[in-house]
């Protein structure tokens, strides 16, 4: 059985959908459903059981024999993913402490462990975007979320866990199953809603002389591509360490906005607005995944062409209100 934490979340639910598409239904879904709408991501998925995240951890701490016997792998996608969360203690408990306990249990019980890190760990990008372990300690995240993820990466490296597990630094992922994420939704969904409701898109003005308005650059990657990368590592116990999960290309926000307009068969109308104070000094102007390490590990799939991926997301999911399922 494969245990998936964050199962009702964006990437977690898409991973289960892809596992279902491959014929895998022996899945233990783990999450904290709370009061939002993410439970809807699970409705069309085939799973064996569902457990709340704290209950799951209690079973592990109690050394539950049935879990040790039945779980062959853990896809640890569960975390507080808000880049604007200001309670660092909350982030440490959810993203660092919980991950350490689960990782230790997995290694001790020979359970395959694949986890979600984040490109937020790279901070401004001043140290580059290489996923080589020798560069890990030079990174300086810009926000508390990135720091909490970076702490686990460093812990896994220092203790030797990275010899047995795989982690992915997801870049700017977009796709279906984000409807519940509020302000943390990808810009593809936000842009779609803005265009639908107002006929135009708002982008942050640049405060850097190196970038024009809307010309800030990010590595936008389709969720279907990152699920393929993640499951590649799940299926290969010899693929261990930290890997980037992106396209290896940097695209501007202007290009992304125009791709959404095109997918909706509308002419672009872009308005540039001031960057809010809470993002100043914490904003990444440029990200671009160095994908050589994953390629050298044997991953040969091409990522989706950018405009086609945006079109697929908008036309086959967002406009129809569809969820990603097998």
Protein backbone atom coordinates (compact mmCIF):
# COMPACT_ATOMS: atom_id res chain seq x y z
CA UNK A 1 0.00 0.00 0.00
CA UNK A 2 1.16 3.52 -0.83
CA UNK A 3 0.54 6.20 1.82
CA UNK A 4 0.06 9.73 0.48
CA UNK A 5 0.15 12.65 2.92
CA UNK A 6 -1.47 15.86 1.77
CA UNK A 7 -3.69 13.53 -0.24
CA UNK A 8 -6.50 16.06 -0.68
CA UNK A 9 -4.11 18.85 -1.63
CA UNK A 10 -3.10 20.00 -5.08
CA UNK A 11 -0.09 17.81 -5.91
CA UNK A 12 -1.10 14.98 -3.56
CA UNK A 13 -4.49 14.47 -5.20
CA UNK A 14 -2.95 14.65 -8.68
CA UNK A 15 -0.42 11.98 -7.67
CA UNK A 16 -3.26 9.69 -6.54
CA UNK A 17 -5.09 10.37 -9.81
CA UNK A 18 -2.00 9.38 -11.77
CA UNK A 19 -1.52 6.26 -9.63
CA UNK A 20 -5.15 5.34 -10.31
CA UNK A 21 -4.57 5.88 -14.04
CA UNK A 22 -1.72 3.37 -13.79
CA UNK A 23 -4.01 0.85 -12.08
CA UNK A 24 -2.91 1.48 -8.47
CA UNK A 25 -5.78 1.74 -5.98
CA UNK A 26 -4.20 0.32 -2.81
CA UNK A 27 -3.66 3.80 -1.41
CA UNK A 28 -3.89 5.21 2.11
CA UNK A 29 -4.90 8.88 1.87
CA UNK A 30 -3.70 11.10 4.75
CA UNK A 31 -4.61 14.74 5.26
CA UNK A 32 -6.26 17.26 7.55
CA UNK A 33 -9.49 18.10 5.76
CA UNK A 34 -10.60 20.88 8.11
CA UNK A 35 -13.26 23.28 6.90
CA UNK A 36 -12.19 24.13 3.36
CA UNK A 37 -13.20 22.54 0.05
CA UNK A 38 -10.16 20.36 -0.63
CA UNK A 39 -12.14 17.21 0.23
CA UNK A 40 -13.63 17.59 -3.25
CA UNK A 41 -10.26 16.63 -4.74
CA UNK A 42 -10.76 13.13 -3.30
CA UNK A 43 -14.27 12.45 -4.58
CA UNK A 44 -13.35 10.79 -7.87
CA UNK A 45 -10.20 9.09 -6.64
CA UNK A 46 -9.89 5.40 -5.78
CA UNK A 47 -8.32 4.85 -2.35
CA UNK A 48 -8.37 2.05 0.20
CA UNK A 49 -8.70 4.21 3.31
CA UNK A 50 -8.43 7.75 4.68
CA UNK A 51 -6.77 8.82 7.96
CA UNK A 52 -6.34 12.29 9.45
CA UNK A 53 -2.67 13.29 9.64
CA UNK A 54 -2.37 13.43 13.44
CA UNK A 55 -4.02 10.02 13.77
CA UNK A 56 -1.58 8.60 11.24
CA UNK A 57 1.40 9.95 13.16
CA UNK A 58 0.02 8.53 16.41
CA UNK A 59 -0.19 5.08 14.81
CA UNK A 60 3.40 5.36 13.65
CA UNK A 61 4.60 6.49 17.08
CA UNK A 62 2.73 3.56 18.63
CA UNK A 63 4.65 1.30 16.24
CA UNK A 64 1.48 -0.04 14.63
CA UNK A 65 2.41 -3.47 13.25
CA UNK A 66 -0.21 -3.46 10.48
CA UNK A 67 1.15 -0.19 9.09
CA UNK A 68 4.70 -1.50 9.08
CA UNK A 69 3.57 -4.66 7.27
CA UNK A 70 1.24 -3.08 4.73
CA UNK A 71 2.81 0.25 3.71
CA UNK A 72 5.45 -0.12 1.03
CA UNK A 73 5.95 3.57 0.25
CA UNK A 74 5.15 7.07 1.49
CA UNK A 75 4.59 10.05 -0.79
CA UNK A 76 4.95 12.87 1.73
CA UNK A 77 3.26 15.87 0.12
CA UNK A 78 1.56 17.17 3.26
CA UNK A 79 2.67 20.57 4.56
CA UNK A 80 1.57 24.11 5.20
CA UNK A 81 2.43 25.56 1.80
CA UNK A 82 1.57 29.20 2.42
CA UNK A 83 4.49 31.43 1.48
CA UNK A 84 2.92 34.25 3.51
CA UNK A 85 2.37 32.27 6.74
CA UNK A 86 3.83 34.27 9.63
CA UNK A 87 3.69 31.68 12.43
CA UNK A 88 7.09 30.10 12.12
CA UNK A 89 6.48 27.66 14.99
CA UNK A 90 3.41 26.33 13.16
CA UNK A 91 5.48 25.86 10.00
CA UNK A 92 8.27 24.10 11.89
CA UNK A 93 5.83 21.65 13.49
CA UNK A 94 4.04 20.88 10.23
CA UNK A 95 6.86 21.00 7.70
CA UNK A 96 9.91 19.99 9.72
CA UNK A 97 9.05 18.05 12.88
CA UNK A 98 6.30 15.94 11.29
CA UNK A 99 8.51 15.20 8.28
CA UNK A 100 11.41 14.07 10.47
CA UNK A 101 9.25 11.61 12.41
CA UNK A 102 7.73 10.17 9.26
CA UNK A 103 11.06 9.93 7.47
CA UNK A 104 12.77 8.16 10.37
CA UNK A 105 9.93 5.63 10.54
CA UNK A 106 10.11 4.99 6.81
CA UNK A 107 13.86 4.41 6.77
CA UNK A 108 13.75 2.17 9.86
CA UNK A 109 11.04 0.04 8.24
CA UNK A 110 12.50 -0.05 4.71
CA UNK A 111 9.55 1.93 3.38
CA UNK A 112 10.22 4.00 0.25
CA UNK A 113 10.02 7.71 1.15
CA UNK A 114 9.56 10.48 -1.43
CA UNK A 115 8.85 13.99 -0.19
CA UNK A 116 8.02 17.50 -1.34
CA UNK A 117 10.63 20.16 -0.84
CA UNK A 118 10.24 23.51 -2.63
CA UNK A 119 11.98 25.94 -4.96
CA UNK A 120 11.26 28.51 -2.22
CA UNK A 121 14.38 27.12 -0.53
CA UNK A 122 16.49 28.86 -3.20
CA UNK A 123 15.47 32.30 -1.98
CA UNK A 124 16.48 35.10 -4.36
CA UNK A 125 18.47 32.68 -6.49
CA UNK A 126 21.73 34.46 -5.73
CA UNK A 127 23.33 31.04 -5.18
CA UNK A 128 21.78 29.62 -8.32
CA UNK A 129 19.24 26.84 -8.75
CA UNK A 130 21.42 23.77 -8.65
CA UNK A 131 20.13 20.80 -6.63
CA UNK A 132 23.63 19.53 -5.90
CA UNK A 133 23.91 18.58 -2.21
CA UNK A 134 27.25 20.36 -1.84
CA UNK A 135 25.48 23.70 -2.40
CA UNK A 136 22.56 23.09 -0.04
CA UNK A 137 23.96 24.92 2.98
CA UNK A 138 24.63 28.09 0.96
CA UNK A 139 20.93 28.68 0.24
CA UNK A 140 19.02 31.49 2.00
CA UNK A 141 15.21 31.25 1.74
CA UNK A 142 13.28 34.53 1.68
CA UNK A 143 10.25 33.43 3.69
CA UNK A 144 9.37 31.21 6.64
CA UNK A 145 7.78 28.54 4.45
CA UNK A 146 10.97 28.18 2.41
CA UNK A 147 13.01 28.08 5.61
CA UNK A 148 10.90 25.27 7.10
CA UNK A 149 11.39 23.20 3.95
CA UNK A 150 15.10 24.03 3.87
CA UNK A 151 15.51 22.85 7.45
CA UNK A 152 14.26 19.39 6.54
CA UNK A 153 16.48 19.22 3.45
CA UNK A 154 19.52 20.10 5.58
CA UNK A 155 18.53 17.63 8.30
CA UNK A 156 18.13 14.87 5.73
CA UNK A 157 21.56 15.65 4.27
CA UNK A 158 23.39 15.95 7.59
CA UNK A 159 21.99 12.69 8.97
CA UNK A 160 22.50 10.65 5.81
CA UNK A 161 18.80 10.21 5.11
CA UNK A 162 19.28 11.45 1.54
CA UNK A 163 21.09 8.20 0.79
CA UNK A 164 17.76 6.41 1.17
CA UNK A 165 15.03 8.91 0.22
CA UNK A 166 14.12 11.25 -2.64
CA UNK A 167 12.95 14.84 -2.35
CA UNK A 168 11.65 17.21 -5.04
CA UNK A 169 12.03 20.96 -5.15
CA UNK A 170 8.82 21.84 -6.95
CA UNK A 171 9.02 25.08 -8.89
CA UNK A 172 5.90 27.09 -9.91
CA UNK A 173 3.42 24.27 -10.37
CA UNK A 174 0.03 24.91 -11.97
CA UNK A 175 -2.88 22.68 -12.93
CA UNK A 176 -6.29 21.41 -11.83
CA UNK A 177 -7.24 20.60 -8.20
CA UNK A 178 -6.17 24.02 -6.88
CA UNK A 179 -9.67 25.39 -6.38
CA UNK A 180 -9.42 25.24 -2.58
CA UNK A 181 -6.09 27.06 -2.17
CA UNK A 182 -7.28 30.67 -1.89
CA UNK A 183 -4.42 33.16 -2.24
CA UNK A 184 -1.91 30.32 -2.71
CA UNK A 185 -3.45 29.17 -6.01
CA UNK A 186 -1.20 29.32 -9.05
CA UNK A 187 -1.48 32.35 -11.28
CA UNK A 188 -3.04 30.31 -14.09
CA UNK A 189 -6.18 29.85 -12.00
CA UNK A 190 -6.07 33.41 -10.68
CA UNK A 191 -5.62 34.81 -14.18
CA UNK A 192 -8.45 32.68 -15.53
CA UNK A 193 -10.81 34.00 -12.86
CA UNK A 194 -9.70 37.61 -13.37
CA UNK A 195 -10.23 37.40 -17.12
CA UNK A 196 -13.58 35.66 -16.70
CA UNK A 197 -14.82 38.25 -14.21
CA UNK A 198 -13.19 41.49 -15.39
CA UNK A 199 -11.75 40.87 -18.85
CA UNK A 200 -8.22 41.75 -17.74
CA UNK A 201 -5.28 40.48 -15.68
CA UNK A 202 -3.36 42.30 -12.95
CA UNK A 203 0.37 41.72 -12.54
CA UNK A 204 2.79 43.14 -9.98
CA UNK A 205 5.00 45.98 -11.09
CA UNK A 206 8.69 45.25 -10.95
CA UNK A 207 10.71 46.99 -8.26
CA UNK A 208 13.98 45.79 -9.77
CA UNK A 209 15.77 47.76 -12.51
CA UNK A 210 16.75 44.41 -14.04
CA UNK A 211 13.17 43.45 -14.91
CA UNK A 212 10.37 45.33 -16.66
CA UNK A 213 6.80 45.14 -15.39
CA UNK A 214 5.55 41.60 -15.91
CA UNK A 215 8.96 40.47 -17.12
CA UNK A 216 9.90 38.82 -13.84
CA UNK A 217 10.77 35.21 -14.70
CA UNK A 218 9.68 31.91 -13.18
CA UNK A 219 9.96 28.24 -14.06
CA UNK A 220 6.26 27.40 -14.50
CA UNK A 221 5.66 23.64 -14.68
CA UNK A 222 2.47 21.65 -15.28
CA UNK A 223 1.33 19.39 -12.47
CA UNK A 224 1.14 16.43 -14.85
CA UNK A 225 4.89 16.78 -15.39
CA UNK A 226 5.78 16.92 -11.69
CA UNK A 227 3.62 13.87 -10.94
CA UNK A 228 5.56 11.96 -13.58
CA UNK A 229 8.87 13.05 -12.04
CA UNK A 230 7.73 12.14 -8.53
CA UNK A 231 6.47 8.69 -9.51
CA UNK A 232 9.70 8.06 -11.41
CA UNK A 233 11.54 8.28 -8.09
CA UNK A 234 8.86 6.33 -6.24
CA UNK A 235 9.40 3.36 -8.54
CA UNK A 236 13.21 3.43 -8.30
CA UNK A 237 14.77 2.98 -4.88
CA UNK A 238 18.20 3.73 -6.31
CA UNK A 239 17.12 7.29 -7.24
CA UNK A 240 17.90 9.12 -4.02
CA UNK A 241 18.71 12.67 -2.96
CA UNK A 242 17.17 16.05 -3.71
CA UNK A 243 16.02 16.83 -7.24
CA UNK A 244 14.56 19.88 -8.95
CA UNK A 245 11.10 19.50 -10.49
CA UNK A 246 10.64 22.12 -13.17
CA UNK A 247 11.05 22.58 -16.91
CA UNK A 248 14.51 24.11 -17.00
CA UNK A 249 13.09 27.20 -18.70
CA UNK A 250 12.19 30.60 -17.25
CA UNK A 251 9.01 32.25 -18.58
CA UNK A 252 7.74 35.75 -17.86
CA UNK A 253 4.47 36.58 -16.13
CA UNK A 254 3.49 38.47 -19.27
CA UNK A 255 3.90 35.31 -21.33
CA UNK A 256 1.88 33.33 -18.82
CA UNK A 257 -0.93 35.89 -18.81
CA UNK A 258 -1.03 35.96 -22.61
CA UNK A 259 -1.18 32.16 -22.69
CA UNK A 260 -4.27 32.21 -20.46
CA UNK A 261 -5.90 34.91 -22.64
CA UNK A 262 -5.16 32.80 -25.71
CA UNK A 263 -6.61 29.67 -24.12
CA UNK A 264 -9.79 31.65 -23.42
CA UNK A 265 -9.81 33.06 -26.98
CA UNK A 266 -9.52 36.64 -25.72
CA UNK A 267 -7.23 39.56 -26.54
CA UNK A 268 -4.69 40.36 -23.79
CA UNK A 269 -5.39 43.25 -21.44
CA UNK A 270 -2.84 43.55 -18.64
CA UNK A 271 -2.81 46.05 -15.77
CA UNK A 272 0.31 46.47 -13.62
CA UNK A 273 -0.24 47.11 -9.91
CA UNK A 274 2.06 47.94 -6.98
CA UNK A 275 3.59 45.02 -5.15
CA UNK A 276 2.05 44.65 -1.66
CA UNK A 277 4.25 45.51 1.28
CA UNK A 278 4.22 41.97 2.71
CA UNK A 279 5.95 40.65 -0.43
CA UNK A 280 8.63 43.30 -0.71
CA UNK A 281 12.02 41.77 -0.01
CA UNK A 282 10.54 38.26 -0.17
CA UNK A 283 9.74 38.12 -3.88
CA UNK A 284 11.59 35.84 -6.29
CA UNK A 285 12.29 37.73 -9.53
CA UNK A 286 13.85 34.76 -11.30
CA UNK A 287 13.68 30.99 -10.97
CA UNK A 288 14.92 28.35 -13.37
CA UNK A 289 15.34 24.72 -12.41
CA UNK A 290 18.63 23.05 -13.21
CA UNK A 291 17.27 19.68 -14.40
CA UNK A 292 20.54 17.92 -15.15
CA UNK A 293 20.61 15.86 -11.97
CA UNK A 294 17.20 14.25 -12.56
CA UNK A 295 18.05 13.69 -16.23
CA UNK A 296 21.31 12.01 -15.22
CA UNK A 297 19.30 9.76 -12.88
CA UNK A 298 17.46 8.43 -15.94
CA UNK A 299 14.36 10.61 -16.24
CA UNK A 300 13.90 11.17 -19.97
CA UNK A 301 10.34 12.47 -20.33
CA UNK A 302 9.90 15.80 -22.06
CA UNK A 303 7.90 18.43 -20.19
CA UNK A 304 4.73 19.75 -21.78
CA UNK A 305 5.07 22.69 -24.18
CA UNK A 306 4.19 25.74 -22.08
CA UNK A 307 1.30 27.27 -24.03
CA UNK A 308 -0.20 23.82 -24.67
CA UNK A 309 -0.06 22.98 -20.96
CA UNK A 310 -1.82 26.24 -20.08
CA UNK A 311 -4.43 25.57 -22.77
CA UNK A 312 -5.06 22.05 -21.46
CA UNK A 313 -5.43 23.35 -17.90
CA UNK A 314 -7.81 26.16 -18.87
CA UNK A 315 -9.96 24.41 -21.46
CA UNK A 316 -10.17 20.89 -20.03
CA UNK A 317 -10.31 21.73 -16.34
CA UNK A 318 -10.87 25.35 -15.29
CA UNK A 319 -13.58 26.27 -17.81
CA UNK A 320 -15.41 23.02 -17.06
CA UNK A 321 -14.83 23.01 -13.30
CA UNK A 322 -13.22 19.60 -13.67
CA UNK A 323 -10.87 17.83 -11.28
CA UNK A 324 -7.89 15.71 -12.31
CA UNK A 325 -8.76 12.05 -12.05
CA UNK A 326 -7.98 8.83 -13.90
